[in-house]
Amino acid sequence: MSSSGTPHNPLESQQARREAVFLVLAEIPEGRVISYGELARLAGLGRGARLVGRILSQLPEGTRLPWHRVIAAGGRISLPAGSPSGHEQRARLRAEGVRIHNDRVDVRRHGWLRQEQSE
């Protein structure tokens, strides 16, 4: 229930979660990566890594949001290497100077922490 006593609209809260993910996603600088779980945390979704993955899988074709900068925990690229989206993600990351070795990104070198922006 909202403060006005009316029930929350589930579609409204779903849209709010999507927008929160998009806002954080848009902040990730070129050449940096973030995990699904960290993106969920920064978007206020707690441990919503799977939700972030689902939201990203539903992005419209041609989106300008840097979805390719989101990877699995430990630096692992989760999109299959042989898939069109997996190939595109690897190509985009390499074009930004991100080194990929054994389908992993060195998160110490390429990981993004929001507080880096203020430095």
PDB file of N, CA and C in Angstrom:
ATOM      1  N   MET A   1       0.831  -1.176   0.000  1.00  0.00           N
ATOM      2  CA  MET A   1       0.000   0.000   0.000  1.00  0.00           C
ATOM      3  C   MET A   1       0.880   1.245   0.000  1.00  0.00           C
ATOM      4  N   SER A   2       0.468   2.204  -0.757  1.00  0.00           N
ATOM      5  CA  SER A   2       1.184   3.473  -0.760  1.00  0.00           C
ATOM      6  C   SER A   2       0.705   4.313   0.415  1.00  0.00           C
ATOM      7  N   SER A   3       1.339   5.469   0.602  1.00  0.00           N
ATOM      8  CA  SER A   3       0.954   6.325   1.730  1.00  0.00           C
ATOM      9  C   SER A   3      -0.475   6.843   1.580  1.00  0.00           C
ATOM     10  N   SER A   4      -0.990   6.836   0.340  1.00  0.00           N
ATOM     11  CA  SER A   4      -2.364   7.304   0.145  1.00  0.00           C
ATOM     12  C   SER A   4      -3.390   6.210   0.428  1.00  0.00           C
ATOM     13  N   GLY A   5      -2.913   5.011   0.754  1.00  0.00           N
ATOM     14  CA  GLY A   5      -3.820   3.924   1.073  1.00  0.00           C
ATOM     15  C   GLY A   5      -4.214   3.084  -0.123  1.00  0.00           C
ATOM     16  N   THR A   6      -3.706   3.420  -1.312  1.00  0.00           N
ATOM     17  CA  THR A   6      -4.013   2.627  -2.499  1.00  0.00           C
ATOM     18  C   THR A   6      -2.926   1.593  -2.722  1.00  0.00           C
ATOM     19  N   PRO A   7      -3.283   0.441  -3.267  1.00  0.00           N
ATOM     20  CA  PRO A   7      -2.268  -0.593  -3.499  1.00  0.00           C
ATOM     21  C   PRO A   7      -1.249  -0.114  -4.539  1.00  0.00           C
ATOM     22  N   HIS A   8       0.001  -0.583  -4.375  1.00  0.00           N
ATOM     23  CA  HIS A   8       1.048  -0.279  -5.360  1.00  0.00           C
ATOM     24  C   HIS A   8       0.697  -0.937  -6.681  1.00  0.00           C
ATOM     25  N   ASN A   9       0.937  -0.236  -7.757  1.00  0.00           N
ATOM     26  CA  ASN A   9       0.766  -0.805  -9.091  1.00  0.00           C
ATOM     27  C   ASN A   9       2.024  -1.605  -9.412  1.00  0.00           C
ATOM     28  N   PRO A  10       1.921  -2.939  -9.591  1.00  0.00           N
ATOM     29  CA  PRO A  10       3.116  -3.751  -9.842  1.00  0.00           C
ATOM     30  C   PRO A  10       3.861  -3.326 -11.112  1.00  0.00           C
ATOM     31  N   LEU A  11       3.138  -2.883 -12.130  1.00  0.00           N
ATOM     32  CA  LEU A  11       3.808  -2.437 -13.349  1.00  0.00           C
ATOM     33  C   LEU A  11       4.597  -1.164 -13.100  1.00  0.00           C
ATOM     34  N   GLU A  12       4.073  -0.308 -12.234  1.00  0.00           N
ATOM     35  CA  GLU A  12       4.765   0.934 -11.895  1.00  0.00           C
ATOM     36  C   GLU A  12       6.079   0.635 -11.175  1.00  0.00           C
ATOM     37  N   SER A  13       6.047  -0.293 -10.221  1.00  0.00           N
ATOM     38  CA  SER A  13       7.281  -0.614  -9.496  1.00  0.00           C
ATOM     39  C   SER A  13       8.262  -1.359 -10.414  1.00  0.00           C
ATOM     40  N   GLN A  14       7.746  -2.151 -11.338  1.00  0.00           N
ATOM     41  CA  GLN A  14       8.614  -2.829 -12.304  1.00  0.00           C
ATOM     42  C   GLN A  14       9.312  -1.783 -13.180  1.00  0.00           C
ATOM     43  N   GLN A  15       8.576  -0.777 -13.614  1.00  0.00           N
ATOM     44  CA  GLN A  15       9.156   0.292 -14.425  1.00  0.00           C
ATOM     45  C   GLN A  15      10.177   1.087 -13.606  1.00  0.00           C
ATOM     46  N   ALA A  16       9.901   1.309 -12.336  1.00  0.00           N
ATOM     47  CA  ALA A  16      10.835   2.039 -11.474  1.00  0.00           C
ATOM     48  C   ALA A  16      12.148   1.262 -11.333  1.00  0.00           C
ATOM     49  N   ARG A  17      12.065  -0.054 -11.197  1.00  0.00           N
ATOM     50  CA  ARG A  17      13.280  -0.880 -11.109  1.00  0.00           C
ATOM     51  C   ARG A  17      14.073  -0.808 -12.403  1.00  0.00           C
ATOM     52  N   ARG A  18      13.366  -0.893 -13.546  1.00  0.00           N
ATOM     53  CA  ARG A  18      14.041  -0.798 -14.847  1.00  0.00           C
ATOM     54  C   ARG A  18      14.761   0.552 -14.973  1.00  0.00           C
ATOM     55  N   GLU A  19      14.080   1.623 -14.604  1.00  0.00           N
ATOM     56  CA  GLU A  19      14.674   2.954 -14.706  1.00  0.00           C
ATOM     57  C   GLU A  19      15.891   3.099 -13.796  1.00  0.00           C
ATOM     58  N   ALA A  20      15.833   2.523 -12.599  1.00  0.00           N
ATOM     59  CA  ALA A  20      16.976   2.568 -11.684  1.00  0.00           C
ATOM     60  C   ALA A  20      18.178   1.854 -12.294  1.00  0.00           C
ATOM     61  N   VAL A  21      17.926   0.697 -12.911  1.00  0.00           N
ATOM     62  CA  VAL A  21      19.005  -0.050 -13.584  1.00  0.00           C
ATOM     63  C   VAL A  21      19.567   0.789 -14.730  1.00  0.00           C
ATOM     64  N   PHE A  22      18.699   1.383 -15.530  1.00  0.00           N
ATOM     65  CA  PHE A  22      19.146   2.182 -16.679  1.00  0.00           C
ATOM     66  C   PHE A  22      19.992   3.374 -16.233  1.00  0.00           C
ATOM     67  N   LEU A  23      19.608   4.027 -15.127  1.00  0.00           N
ATOM     68  CA  LEU A  23      20.359   5.183 -14.640  1.00  0.00           C
ATOM     69  C   LEU A  23      21.779   4.801 -14.248  1.00  0.00           C
ATOM     70  N   VAL A  24      21.932   3.690 -13.526  1.00  0.00           N
ATOM     71  CA  VAL A  24      23.273   3.247 -13.134  1.00  0.00           C
ATOM     72  C   VAL A  24      24.044   2.784 -14.372  1.00  0.00           C
ATOM     73  N   LEU A  25      23.398   2.032 -15.229  1.00  0.00           N
ATOM     74  CA  LEU A  25      24.040   1.521 -16.439  1.00  0.00           C
ATOM     75  C   LEU A  25      24.612   2.664 -17.278  1.00  0.00           C
ATOM     76  N   ALA A  26      23.871   3.741 -17.385  1.00  0.00           N
ATOM     77  CA  ALA A  26      24.300   4.881 -18.195  1.00  0.00           C
ATOM     78  C   ALA A  26      25.548   5.559 -17.626  1.00  0.00           C
ATOM     79  N   GLU A  27      25.829   5.360 -16.339  1.00  0.00           N
ATOM     80  CA  GLU A  27      26.984   5.989 -15.692  1.00  0.00           C
ATOM     81  C   GLU A  27      28.293   5.242 -15.930  1.00  0.00           C
ATOM     82  N   ILE A  28      28.240   3.985 -16.322  1.00  0.00           N
ATOM     83  CA  ILE A  28      29.455   3.172 -16.428  1.00  0.00           C
ATOM     84  C   ILE A  28      30.324   3.713 -17.559  1.00  0.00           C
ATOM     85  N   PRO A  29      31.535   4.148 -17.228  1.00  0.00           N
ATOM     86  CA  PRO A  29      32.383   4.748 -18.256  1.00  0.00           C
ATOM     87  C   PRO A  29      32.960   3.720 -19.238  1.00  0.00           C
ATOM     88  N   GLU A  30      33.334   4.214 -20.382  1.00  0.00           N
ATOM     89  CA  GLU A  30      33.971   3.390 -21.399  1.00  0.00           C
ATOM     90  C   GLU A  30      35.220   2.725 -20.810  1.00  0.00           C
ATOM     91  N   GLY A  31      35.417   1.454 -21.153  1.00  0.00           N
ATOM     92  CA  GLY A  31      36.591   0.731 -20.684  1.00  0.00           C
ATOM     93  C   GLY A  31      36.453   0.158 -19.289  1.00  0.00           C
ATOM     94  N   ARG A  32      35.281   0.285 -18.686  1.00  0.00           N
ATOM     95  CA  ARG A  32      35.024  -0.242 -17.344  1.00  0.00           C
ATOM     96  C   ARG A  32      33.887  -1.252 -17.388  1.00  0.00           C
ATOM     97  N   VAL A  33      33.883  -2.167 -16.428  1.00  0.00           N
ATOM     98  CA  VAL A  33      32.833  -3.179 -16.337  1.00  0.00           C
ATOM     99  C   VAL A  33      32.304  -3.221 -14.912  1.00  0.00           C
ATOM    100  N   ILE A  34      31.116  -3.798 -14.781  1.00  0.00           N
ATOM    101  CA  ILE A  34      30.483  -3.971 -13.477  1.00  0.00           C
ATOM    102  C   ILE A  34      29.759  -5.311 -13.505  1.00  0.00           C
ATOM    103  N   SER A  35      29.628  -5.941 -12.347  1.00  0.00           N
ATOM    104  CA  SER A  35      28.902  -7.212 -12.292  1.00  0.00           C
ATOM    105  C   SER A  35      27.400  -6.956 -12.205  1.00  0.00           C
ATOM    106  N   TYR A  36      26.635  -7.963 -12.587  1.00  0.00           N
ATOM    107  CA  TYR A  36      25.173  -7.872 -12.470  1.00  0.00           C
ATOM    108  C   TYR A  36      24.785  -7.555 -11.024  1.00  0.00           C
ATOM    109  N   GLY A  37      25.437  -8.223 -10.078  1.00  0.00           N
ATOM    110  CA  GLY A  37      25.107  -8.030  -8.661  1.00  0.00           C
ATOM    111  C   GLY A  37      25.430  -6.641  -8.166  1.00  0.00           C
ATOM    112  N   GLU A  38      26.578  -6.103  -8.589  1.00  0.00           N
ATOM    113  CA  GLU A  38      26.952  -4.758  -8.162  1.00  0.00           C
ATOM    114  C   GLU A  38      26.016  -3.726  -8.783  1.00  0.00           C
ATOM    115  N   LEU A  39      25.636  -3.932 -10.029  1.00  0.00           N
ATOM    116  CA  LEU A  39      24.685  -3.032 -10.679  1.00  0.00           C
ATOM    117  C   LEU A  39      23.353  -3.059  -9.932  1.00  0.00           C
ATOM    118  N   ALA A  40      22.914  -4.253  -9.542  1.00  0.00           N
ATOM    119  CA  ALA A  40      21.663  -4.369  -8.773  1.00  0.00           C
ATOM    120  C   ALA A  40      21.767  -3.599  -7.463  1.00  0.00           C
ATOM    121  N   ARG A  41      22.885  -3.760  -6.767  1.00  0.00           N
ATOM    122  CA  ARG A  41      23.075  -3.076  -5.480  1.00  0.00           C
ATOM    123  C   ARG A  41      23.036  -1.558  -5.662  1.00  0.00           C
ATOM    124  N   LEU A  42      23.756  -1.047  -6.662  1.00  0.00           N
ATOM    125  CA  LEU A  42      23.803   0.399  -6.894  1.00  0.00           C
ATOM    126  C   LEU A  42      22.441   0.948  -7.327  1.00  0.00           C
ATOM    127  N   ALA A  43      21.632   0.104  -7.969  1.00  0.00           N
ATOM    128  CA  ALA A  43      20.300   0.527  -8.409  1.00  0.00           C
ATOM    129  C   ALA A  43      19.266   0.397  -7.301  1.00  0.00           C
ATOM    130  N   GLY A  44      19.701  -0.060  -6.117  1.00  0.00           N
ATOM    131  CA  GLY A  44      18.783  -0.186  -4.990  1.00  0.00           C
ATOM    132  C   GLY A  44      17.951  -1.454  -5.028  1.00  0.00           C
ATOM    133  N   LEU A  45      18.448  -2.468  -5.742  1.00  0.00           N
ATOM    134  CA  LEU A  45      17.696  -3.717  -5.884  1.00  0.00           C
ATOM    135  C   LEU A  45      18.274  -4.847  -5.033  1.00  0.00           C
ATOM    136  N   GLY A  46      19.126  -4.496  -4.078  1.00  0.00           N
ATOM    137  CA  GLY A  46      19.684  -5.513  -3.194  1.00  0.00           C
ATOM    138  C   GLY A  46      20.426  -6.585  -3.958  1.00  0.00           C
ATOM    139  N   ARG A  47      20.016  -7.824  -3.733  1.00  0.00           N
ATOM    140  CA  ARG A  47      20.677  -8.956  -4.370  1.00  0.00           C
ATOM    141  C   ARG A  47      19.930  -9.374  -5.649  1.00  0.00           C
ATOM    142  N   GLY A  48      19.611  -8.398  -6.477  1.00  0.00           N
ATOM    143  CA  GLY A  48      18.793  -8.632  -7.660  1.00  0.00           C
ATOM    144  C   GLY A  48      19.577  -8.848  -8.949  1.00  0.00           C
ATOM    145  N   ALA A  49      20.688  -9.581  -8.880  1.00  0.00           N
ATOM    146  CA  ALA A  49      21.517  -9.798 -10.072  1.00  0.00           C
ATOM    147  C   ALA A  49      20.714 -10.444 -11.205  1.00  0.00           C
ATOM    148  N   ARG A  50      19.899 -11.416 -10.872  1.00  0.00           N
ATOM    149  CA  ARG A  50      19.094 -12.078 -11.931  1.00  0.00           C
ATOM    150  C   ARG A  50      18.080 -11.120 -12.542  1.00  0.00           C
ATOM    151  N   LEU A  51      17.516 -10.260 -11.723  1.00  0.00           N
ATOM    152  CA  LEU A  51      16.575  -9.265 -12.226  1.00  0.00           C
ATOM    153  C   LEU A  51      17.292  -8.327 -13.202  1.00  0.00           C
ATOM    154  N   VAL A  52      18.500  -7.909 -12.865  1.00  0.00           N
ATOM    155  CA  VAL A  52      19.283  -7.059 -13.764  1.00  0.00           C
ATOM    156  C   VAL A  52      19.510  -7.782 -15.086  1.00  0.00           C
ATOM    157  N   GLY A  53      19.872  -9.052 -15.022  1.00  0.00           N
ATOM    158  CA  GLY A  53      20.071  -9.832 -16.245  1.00  0.00           C
ATOM    159  C   GLY A  53      18.813  -9.882 -17.093  1.00  0.00           C
ATOM    160  N   ARG A  54      17.681 -10.066 -16.440  1.00  0.00           N
ATOM    161  CA  ARG A  54      16.406 -10.119 -17.167  1.00  0.00           C
ATOM    162  C   ARG A  54      16.104  -8.757 -17.809  1.00  0.00           C
ATOM    163  N   ILE A  55      16.314  -7.679 -17.068  1.00  0.00           N
ATOM    164  CA  ILE A  55      16.071  -6.341 -17.602  1.00  0.00           C
ATOM    165  C   ILE A  55      16.972  -6.082 -18.805  1.00  0.00           C
ATOM    166  N   LEU A  56      18.249  -6.434 -18.690  1.00  0.00           N
ATOM    167  CA  LEU A  56      19.178  -6.202 -19.796  1.00  0.00           C
ATOM    168  C   LEU A  56      18.832  -7.051 -21.016  1.00  0.00           C
ATOM    169  N   SER A  57      18.308  -8.235 -20.792  1.00  0.00           N
ATOM    170  CA  SER A  57      17.950  -9.101 -21.926  1.00  0.00           C
ATOM    171  C   SER A  57      16.745  -8.555 -22.690  1.00  0.00           C
ATOM    172  N   GLN A  58      16.027  -7.615 -22.086  1.00  0.00           N
ATOM    173  CA  GLN A  58      14.838  -7.050 -22.721  1.00  0.00           C
ATOM    174  C   GLN A  58      15.068  -5.643 -23.268  1.00  0.00           C
ATOM    175  N   LEU A  59      16.318  -5.204 -23.323  1.00  0.00           N
ATOM    176  CA  LEU A  59      16.602  -3.877 -23.886  1.00  0.00           C
ATOM    177  C   LEU A  59      16.198  -3.859 -25.355  1.00  0.00           C
ATOM    178  N   PRO A  60      15.687  -2.745 -25.821  1.00  0.00           N
ATOM    179  CA  PRO A  60      15.311  -2.669 -27.236  1.00  0.00           C
ATOM    180  C   PRO A  60      16.551  -2.732 -28.137  1.00  0.00           C
ATOM    181  N   GLU A  61      16.387  -3.322 -29.297  1.00  0.00           N
ATOM    182  CA  GLU A  61      17.488  -3.390 -30.249  1.00  0.00           C
ATOM    183  C   GLU A  61      17.929  -1.979 -30.601  1.00  0.00           C
ATOM    184  N   GLY A  62      19.224  -1.780 -30.702  1.00  0.00           N
ATOM    185  CA  GLY A  62      19.747  -0.466 -31.045  1.00  0.00           C
ATOM    186  C   GLY A  62      19.881   0.474 -29.862  1.00  0.00           C
ATOM    187  N   THR A  63      19.672  -0.015 -28.646  1.00  0.00           N
ATOM    188  CA  THR A  63      19.799   0.838 -27.459  1.00  0.00           C
ATOM    189  C   THR A  63      21.205   1.421 -27.379  1.00  0.00           C
ATOM    190  N   ARG A  64      21.303   2.612 -26.832  1.00  0.00           N
ATOM    191  CA  ARG A  64      22.604   3.255 -26.649  1.00  0.00           C
ATOM    192  C   ARG A  64      23.162   2.992 -25.251  1.00  0.00           C
ATOM    193  N   LEU A  65      22.398   2.317 -24.409  1.00  0.00           N
ATOM    194  CA  LEU A  65      22.891   1.979 -23.072  1.00  0.00           C
ATOM    195  C   LEU A  65      24.024   0.954 -23.197  1.00  0.00           C
ATOM    196  N   PRO A  66      25.080   1.103 -22.392  1.00  0.00           N
ATOM    197  CA  PRO A  66      26.244   0.216 -22.512  1.00  0.00           C
ATOM    198  C   PRO A  66      26.062  -1.136 -21.814  1.00  0.00           C
ATOM    199  N   TRP A  67      25.108  -1.925 -22.276  1.00  0.00           N
ATOM    200  CA  TRP A  67      24.804  -3.234 -21.686  1.00  0.00           C
ATOM    201  C   TRP A  67      26.013  -4.153 -21.697  1.00  0.00           C
ATOM    202  N   HIS A  68      26.902  -3.957 -22.665  1.00  0.00           N
ATOM    203  CA  HIS A  68      28.061  -4.838 -22.829  1.00  0.00           C
ATOM    204  C   HIS A  68      29.060  -4.700 -21.684  1.00  0.00           C
ATOM    205  N   ARG A  69      28.933  -3.676 -20.874  1.00  0.00           N
ATOM    206  CA  ARG A  69      29.847  -3.460 -19.759  1.00  0.00           C
ATOM    207  C   ARG A  69      29.431  -4.208 -18.494  1.00  0.00           C
ATOM    208  N   VAL A  70      28.362  -4.977 -18.566  1.00  0.00           N
ATOM    209  CA  VAL A  70      27.877  -5.738 -17.407  1.00  0.00           C
ATOM    210  C   VAL A  70      28.279  -7.195 -17.595  1.00  0.00           C
ATOM    211  N   ILE A  71      28.999  -7.715 -16.594  1.00  0.00           N
ATOM    212  CA  ILE A  71      29.519  -9.083 -16.660  1.00  0.00           C
ATOM    213  C   ILE A  71      29.147  -9.832 -15.386  1.00  0.00           C
ATOM    214  N   ALA A  72      29.420 -11.110 -15.386  1.00  0.00           N
ATOM    215  CA  ALA A  72      29.107 -11.938 -14.221  1.00  0.00           C
ATOM    216  C   ALA A  72      30.149 -11.734 -13.123  1.00  0.00           C
ATOM    217  N   ALA A  73      29.844 -12.245 -11.961  1.00  0.00           N
ATOM    218  CA  ALA A  73      30.753 -12.145 -10.816  1.00  0.00           C
ATOM    219  C   ALA A  73      32.108 -12.745 -11.166  1.00  0.00           C
ATOM    220  N   GLY A  74      33.138 -12.182 -10.582  1.00  0.00           N
ATOM    221  CA  GLY A  74      34.487 -12.691 -10.809  1.00  0.00           C
ATOM    222  C   GLY A  74      35.051 -12.338 -12.170  1.00  0.00           C
ATOM    223  N   GLY A  75      34.377 -11.455 -12.900  1.00  0.00           N
ATOM    224  CA  GLY A  75      34.883 -11.024 -14.197  1.00  0.00           C
ATOM    225  C   GLY A  75      34.512 -11.913 -15.362  1.00  0.00           C
ATOM    226  N   ARG A  76      33.663 -12.908 -15.109  1.00  0.00           N
ATOM    227  CA  ARG A  76      33.306 -13.858 -16.167  1.00  0.00           C
ATOM    228  C   ARG A  76      32.289 -13.245 -17.127  1.00  0.00           C
ATOM    229  N   ILE A  77      32.526 -13.460 -18.408  1.00  0.00           N
ATOM    230  CA  ILE A  77      31.551 -13.038 -19.419  1.00  0.00           C
ATOM    231  C   ILE A  77      30.543 -14.169 -19.545  1.00  0.00           C
ATOM    232  N   SER A  78      29.294 -13.862 -19.269  1.00  0.00           N
ATOM    233  CA  SER A  78      28.286 -14.928 -19.196  1.00  0.00           C
ATOM    234  C   SER A  78      27.592 -15.211 -20.521  1.00  0.00           C
ATOM    235  N   LEU A  79      27.637 -14.280 -21.459  1.00  0.00           N
ATOM    236  CA  LEU A  79      27.010 -14.538 -22.757  1.00  0.00           C
ATOM    237  C   LEU A  79      27.884 -15.513 -23.540  1.00  0.00           C
ATOM    238  N   PRO A  80      27.293 -16.556 -24.132  1.00  0.00           N
ATOM    239  CA  PRO A  80      28.087 -17.570 -24.832  1.00  0.00           C
ATOM    240  C   PRO A  80      28.920 -16.968 -25.971  1.00  0.00           C
ATOM    241  N   ALA A  81      30.169 -17.415 -26.081  1.00  0.00           N
ATOM    242  CA  ALA A  81      31.105 -16.876 -27.070  1.00  0.00           C
ATOM    243  C   ALA A  81      30.583 -17.029 -28.496  1.00  0.00           C
ATOM    244  N   GLY A  82      29.867 -18.091 -28.781  1.00  0.00           N
ATOM    245  CA  GLY A  82      29.394 -18.325 -30.140  1.00  0.00           C
ATOM    246  C   GLY A  82      28.098 -17.618 -30.504  1.00  0.00           C
ATOM    247  N   SER A  83      27.471 -16.967 -29.529  1.00  0.00           N
ATOM    248  CA  SER A  83      26.187 -16.315 -29.795  1.00  0.00           C
ATOM    249  C   SER A  83      26.417 -14.921 -30.379  1.00  0.00           C
ATOM    250  N   PRO A  84      25.445 -14.410 -31.157  1.00  0.00           N
ATOM    251  CA  PRO A  84      25.599 -13.051 -31.700  1.00  0.00           C
ATOM    252  C   PRO A  84      25.805 -11.998 -30.601  1.00  0.00           C
ATOM    253  N   SER A  85      25.027 -12.081 -29.509  1.00  0.00           N
ATOM    254  CA  SER A  85      25.168 -11.085 -28.443  1.00  0.00           C
ATOM    255  C   SER A  85      26.503 -11.261 -27.709  1.00  0.00           C
ATOM    256  N   GLY A  86      26.934 -12.508 -27.533  1.00  0.00           N
ATOM    257  CA  GLY A  86      28.226 -12.762 -26.892  1.00  0.00           C
ATOM    258  C   GLY A  86      29.375 -12.227 -27.730  1.00  0.00           C
ATOM    259  N   HIS A  87      29.296 -12.423 -29.034  1.00  0.00           N
ATOM    260  CA  HIS A  87      30.326 -11.905 -29.944  1.00  0.00           C
ATOM    261  C   HIS A  87      30.338 -10.378 -29.905  1.00  0.00           C
ATOM    262  N   GLU A  88      29.154  -9.774 -29.920  1.00  0.00           N
ATOM    263  CA  GLU A  88      29.063  -8.314 -29.896  1.00  0.00           C
ATOM    264  C   GLU A  88      29.622  -7.758 -28.584  1.00  0.00           C
ATOM    265  N   GLN A  89      29.299  -8.399 -27.461  1.00  0.00           N
ATOM    266  CA  GLN A  89      29.797  -7.921 -26.174  1.00  0.00           C
ATOM    267  C   GLN A  89      31.323  -7.949 -26.148  1.00  0.00           C
ATOM    268  N   ARG A  90      31.914  -9.055 -26.567  1.00  0.00           N
ATOM    269  CA  ARG A  90      33.371  -9.172 -26.557  1.00  0.00           C
ATOM    270  C   ARG A  90      34.011  -8.136 -27.483  1.00  0.00           C
ATOM    271  N   ALA A  91      33.426  -7.959 -28.668  1.00  0.00           N
ATOM    272  CA  ALA A  91      33.974  -6.989 -29.624  1.00  0.00           C
ATOM    273  C   ALA A  91      33.889  -5.569 -29.066  1.00  0.00           C
ATOM    274  N   ARG A  92      32.767  -5.214 -28.455  1.00  0.00           N
ATOM    275  CA  ARG A  92      32.606  -3.866 -27.902  1.00  0.00           C
ATOM    276  C   ARG A  92      33.588  -3.628 -26.754  1.00  0.00           C
ATOM    277  N   LEU A  93      33.731  -4.617 -25.875  1.00  0.00           N
ATOM    278  CA  LEU A  93      34.665  -4.462 -24.757  1.00  0.00           C
ATOM    279  C   LEU A  93      36.099  -4.299 -25.270  1.00  0.00           C
ATOM    280  N   ARG A  94      36.495  -5.135 -26.211  1.00  0.00           N
ATOM    281  CA  ARG A  94      37.854  -5.026 -26.772  1.00  0.00           C
ATOM    282  C   ARG A  94      38.069  -3.668 -27.431  1.00  0.00           C
ATOM    283  N   ALA A  95      37.039  -3.157 -28.135  1.00  0.00           N
ATOM    284  CA  ALA A  95      37.144  -1.847 -28.788  1.00  0.00           C
ATOM    285  C   ALA A  95      37.352  -0.730 -27.769  1.00  0.00           C
ATOM    286  N   GLU A  96      36.924  -0.958 -26.526  1.00  0.00           N
ATOM    287  CA  GLU A  96      37.101   0.033 -25.461  1.00  0.00           C
ATOM    288  C   GLU A  96      38.403  -0.195 -24.690  1.00  0.00           C
ATOM    289  N   GLY A  97      39.205  -1.152 -25.125  1.00  0.00           N
ATOM    290  CA  GLY A  97      40.481  -1.412 -24.470  1.00  0.00           C
ATOM    291  C   GLY A  97      40.418  -2.400 -23.326  1.00  0.00           C
ATOM    292  N   VAL A  98      39.292  -3.076 -23.161  1.00  0.00           N
ATOM    293  CA  VAL A  98      39.154  -4.073 -22.099  1.00  0.00           C
ATOM    294  C   VAL A  98      39.780  -5.382 -22.584  1.00  0.00           C
ATOM    295  N   ARG A  99      40.709  -5.889 -21.788  1.00  0.00           N
ATOM    296  CA  ARG A  99      41.363  -7.148 -22.155  1.00  0.00           C
ATOM    297  C   ARG A  99      40.552  -8.315 -21.616  1.00  0.00           C
ATOM    298  N   ILE A 100      40.350  -9.295 -22.489  1.00  0.00           N
ATOM    299  CA  ILE A 100      39.593 -10.500 -22.134  1.00  0.00           C
ATOM    300  C   ILE A 100      40.533 -11.688 -22.283  1.00  0.00           C
ATOM    301  N   HIS A 101      40.647 -12.474 -21.226  1.00  0.00           N
ATOM    302  CA  HIS A 101      41.499 -13.662 -21.250  1.00  0.00           C
ATOM    303  C   HIS A 101      40.708 -14.827 -20.666  1.00  0.00           C
ATOM    304  N   ASN A 102      40.598 -15.905 -21.435  1.00  0.00           N
ATOM    305  CA  ASN A 102      39.820 -17.078 -21.006  1.00  0.00           C
ATOM    306  C   ASN A 102      38.397 -16.703 -20.602  1.00  0.00           C
ATOM    307  N   ASP A 103      37.782 -15.819 -21.392  1.00  0.00           N
ATOM    308  CA  ASP A 103      36.406 -15.352 -21.158  1.00  0.00           C
ATOM    309  C   ASP A 103      36.218 -14.649 -19.823  1.00  0.00           C
ATOM    310  N   ARG A 104      37.291 -14.038 -19.347  1.00  0.00           N
ATOM    311  CA  ARG A 104      37.234 -13.262 -18.109  1.00  0.00           C
ATOM    312  C   ARG A 104      37.879 -11.901 -18.321  1.00  0.00           C
ATOM    313  N   VAL A 105      37.371 -10.934 -17.567  1.00  0.00           N
ATOM    314  CA  VAL A 105      37.911  -9.589 -17.559  1.00  0.00           C
ATOM    315  C   VAL A 105      38.593  -9.389 -16.206  1.00  0.00           C
ATOM    316  N   ASP A 106      39.745  -8.772 -16.204  1.00  0.00           N
ATOM    317  CA  ASP A 106      40.440  -8.459 -14.953  1.00  0.00           C
ATOM    318  C   ASP A 106      39.698  -7.301 -14.283  1.00  0.00           C
ATOM    319  N   VAL A 107      38.894  -7.630 -13.283  1.00  0.00           N
ATOM    320  CA  VAL A 107      38.071  -6.593 -12.644  1.00  0.00           C
ATOM    321  C   VAL A 107      38.908  -5.630 -11.811  1.00  0.00           C
ATOM    322  N   ARG A 108      40.094  -6.047 -11.386  1.00  0.00           N
ATOM    323  CA  ARG A 108      40.964  -5.097 -10.662  1.00  0.00           C
ATOM    324  C   ARG A 108      41.406  -3.985 -11.608  1.00  0.00           C
ATOM    325  N   ARG A 109      41.610  -4.327 -12.867  1.00  0.00           N
ATOM    326  CA  ARG A 109      42.054  -3.343 -13.850  1.00  0.00           C
ATOM    327  C   ARG A 109      40.884  -2.592 -14.486  1.00  0.00           C
ATOM    328  N   HIS A 110      39.806  -3.316 -14.806  1.00  0.00           N
ATOM    329  CA  HIS A 110      38.714  -2.737 -15.590  1.00  0.00           C
ATOM    330  C   HIS A 110      37.406  -2.548 -14.821  1.00  0.00           C
ATOM    331  N   GLY A 111      37.368  -2.974 -13.563  1.00  0.00           N
ATOM    332  CA  GLY A 111      36.133  -2.842 -12.790  1.00  0.00           C
ATOM    333  C   GLY A 111      35.813  -1.387 -12.485  1.00  0.00           C
ATOM    334  N   TRP A 112      34.520  -1.085 -12.422  1.00  0.00           N
ATOM    335  CA  TRP A 112      34.082   0.281 -12.143  1.00  0.00           C
ATOM    336  C   TRP A 112      33.480   0.363 -10.755  1.00  0.00           C
ATOM    337  N   LEU A 113      33.942   1.341 -10.017  1.00  0.00           N
ATOM    338  CA  LEU A 113      33.360   1.693  -8.729  1.00  0.00           C
ATOM    339  C   LEU A 113      32.832   3.100  -8.844  1.00  0.00           C
ATOM    340  N   ARG A 114      31.611   3.291  -8.455  1.00  0.00           N
ATOM    341  CA  ARG A 114      30.950   4.584  -8.635  1.00  0.00           C
ATOM    342  C   ARG A 114      31.772   5.734  -8.044  1.00  0.00           C
ATOM    343  N   GLN A 115      32.434   5.519  -6.916  1.00  0.00           N
ATOM    344  CA  GLN A 115      33.165   6.618  -6.290  1.00  0.00           C
ATOM    345  C   GLN A 115      34.362   7.081  -7.113  1.00  0.00           C
ATOM    346  N   GLU A 116      34.797   6.311  -8.111  1.00  0.00           N
ATOM    347  CA  GLU A 116      35.896   6.728  -8.970  1.00  0.00           C
ATOM    348  C   GLU A 116      35.565   8.045  -9.671  1.00  0.00           C
ATOM    349  N   GLN A 117      34.285   8.293  -9.919  1.00  0.00           N
ATOM    350  CA  GLN A 117      33.882   9.499 -10.635  1.00  0.00           C
ATOM    351  C   GLN A 117      34.284  10.761  -9.896  1.00  0.00           C
ATOM    352  N   SER A 118      34.298  10.726  -8.585  1.00  0.00           N
ATOM    353  CA  SER A 118      34.588  11.942  -7.823  1.00  0.00           C
ATOM    354  C   SER A 118      36.081  12.175  -7.665  1.00  0.00           C
ATOM    355  N   GLU A 119      36.889  11.197  -8.039  1.00  0.00           N
ATOM    356  CA  GLU A 119      38.340  11.349  -7.887  1.00  0.00           C
ATOM    357  C   GLU A 119      38.929  12.185  -9.006  1.00  0.00           C
TER     358      GLU A 119
END
